[in-house]
Amino acid sequence: MTVILYAGVLMSLLAFGCFAAVSNAAAEDMVKKIVVFHEEVGEDAIDAFAGEWASAGAMVVMKLPFINGLVLSVPTSIDTKAISNDPRVEYVEEDRGVELR
């Protein structure tokens, strides 16, 4: 019984490790972008925008209602200009890390 339990735990850890490796590989091909929409663009239109880009592999990381925007994780193959050409979008910025000293 103990051997079976250890084998089950080992298999779970191996499966999780394989899944984590696949997730990390996929994450390396993604970049975060901050998308700010024009003031008159409402939440429904922002949700529609996110849905349209989801079909291209983008994912909403966080909504930013205080600036009428989103943080999107997008494949590196998607150019910032392609996102910013949408008439609902005011501008797009790279989401850069901040280091406190």
Protein backbone atom coordinates (compact mmCIF):
# COMPACT_ATOMS: atom_id res chain seq x y z
CA MET A 1 0.00 0.00 0.00
CA THR A 2 2.81 2.41 0.89
CA VAL A 3 4.59 1.69 -2.40
CA ILE A 4 1.41 2.45 -4.35
CA LEU A 5 0.95 5.72 -2.43
CA TYR A 6 4.54 6.81 -3.13
CA ALA A 7 4.17 5.85 -6.78
CA GLY A 8 0.99 7.94 -7.01
CA VAL A 9 2.68 10.94 -5.41
CA LEU A 10 5.69 10.57 -7.71
CA MET A 11 3.46 10.36 -10.80
CA SER A 12 1.57 13.48 -9.67
CA LEU A 13 4.81 15.41 -9.18
CA LEU A 14 6.13 14.32 -12.57
CA ALA A 15 2.88 15.28 -14.26
CA PHE A 16 2.88 18.67 -12.55
CA GLY A 17 6.51 19.22 -13.53
CA CYS A 18 5.75 18.46 -17.16
CA PHE A 19 2.74 20.78 -17.10
CA ALA A 20 4.79 23.55 -15.49
CA ALA A 21 7.49 23.17 -18.15
CA VAL A 22 4.92 23.49 -20.93
CA SER A 23 3.34 26.53 -19.23
CA ASN A 24 6.72 28.24 -18.83
CA ALA A 25 7.62 27.60 -22.46
CA ALA A 26 4.33 29.15 -23.57
CA ALA A 27 4.80 32.12 -21.22
CA GLU A 28 8.20 32.88 -22.78
CA ASP A 29 6.47 33.53 -26.10
CA MET A 30 4.14 36.09 -24.54
CA VAL A 31 4.59 39.76 -23.68
CA LYS A 32 2.41 42.00 -21.53
CA LYS A 33 0.95 45.15 -23.01
CA ILE A 34 -1.06 47.91 -21.38
CA VAL A 35 -3.93 48.90 -23.65
CA VAL A 36 -5.64 52.22 -22.87
CA PHE A 37 -8.97 52.95 -24.53
CA HIS A 38 -10.54 56.26 -25.47
CA GLU A 39 -12.59 57.81 -22.68
CA GLU A 40 -15.92 57.13 -24.39
CA VAL A 41 -15.23 53.38 -24.82
CA GLY A 42 -17.34 51.46 -22.32
CA GLU A 43 -16.78 48.21 -20.46
CA ASP A 44 -18.81 46.15 -22.95
CA ALA A 45 -16.68 47.42 -25.85
CA ILE A 46 -13.50 46.67 -23.89
CA ASP A 47 -14.75 43.14 -23.19
CA ALA A 48 -15.53 42.72 -26.90
CA PHE A 49 -12.02 43.91 -27.78
CA ALA A 50 -10.50 41.37 -25.36
CA GLY A 51 -12.64 38.63 -26.87
CA GLU A 52 -11.51 39.49 -30.38
CA TRP A 53 -7.84 39.31 -29.39
CA ALA A 54 -8.40 36.10 -27.40
CA SER A 55 -8.89 34.32 -30.70
CA ALA A 56 -5.32 35.37 -31.58
CA GLY A 57 -3.98 33.98 -28.30
CA ALA A 58 -4.15 37.10 -26.10
CA MET A 59 -5.32 36.85 -22.49
CA VAL A 60 -6.54 39.54 -20.12
CA VAL A 61 -4.16 39.71 -17.16
CA MET A 62 -5.92 42.55 -15.39
CA LYS A 63 -8.56 45.18 -16.01
CA LEU A 64 -7.52 48.76 -15.27
CA PRO A 65 -10.79 50.68 -14.91
CA PHE A 66 -9.11 53.75 -13.39
CA ILE A 67 -7.37 54.38 -16.74
CA ASN A 68 -10.02 52.70 -18.90
CA GLY A 69 -7.61 49.98 -19.92
CA LEU A 70 -6.37 46.39 -19.74
CA VAL A 71 -3.15 44.52 -19.28
CA LEU A 72 -3.02 41.93 -22.04
CA SER A 73 -0.62 39.04 -22.36
CA VAL A 74 -0.15 38.64 -26.10
CA PRO A 75 1.96 36.36 -28.28
CA THR A 76 5.21 38.01 -29.36
CA SER A 77 4.08 37.55 -32.96
CA ILE A 78 1.39 40.23 -32.46
CA ASP A 79 2.74 43.68 -33.25
CA THR A 80 1.81 46.63 -31.04
CA LYS A 81 0.64 48.52 -34.14
CA ALA A 82 -1.93 45.81 -34.86
CA ILE A 83 -3.46 46.42 -31.44
CA SER A 84 -3.19 50.20 -31.54
CA ASN A 85 -4.86 50.40 -34.98
CA ASP A 86 -8.19 49.49 -33.37
CA PRO A 87 -10.33 52.68 -33.29
CA ARG A 88 -11.30 51.99 -29.65
CA VAL A 89 -7.66 52.14 -28.53
CA GLU A 90 -6.03 55.40 -27.50
CA TYR A 91 -2.54 53.92 -27.04
CA VAL A 92 -0.57 50.76 -26.20
CA GLU A 93 2.49 50.52 -23.95
CA GLU A 94 4.84 47.69 -23.04
CA ASP A 95 4.24 46.58 -19.45
CA ARG A 96 7.70 46.96 -17.97
CA GLY A 97 8.77 45.73 -14.57
CA VAL A 98 9.47 48.21 -11.81
CA GLU A 99 12.29 47.74 -9.34
CA LEU A 100 12.17 49.47 -5.95
CA ARG A 101 15.45 50.40 -4.30
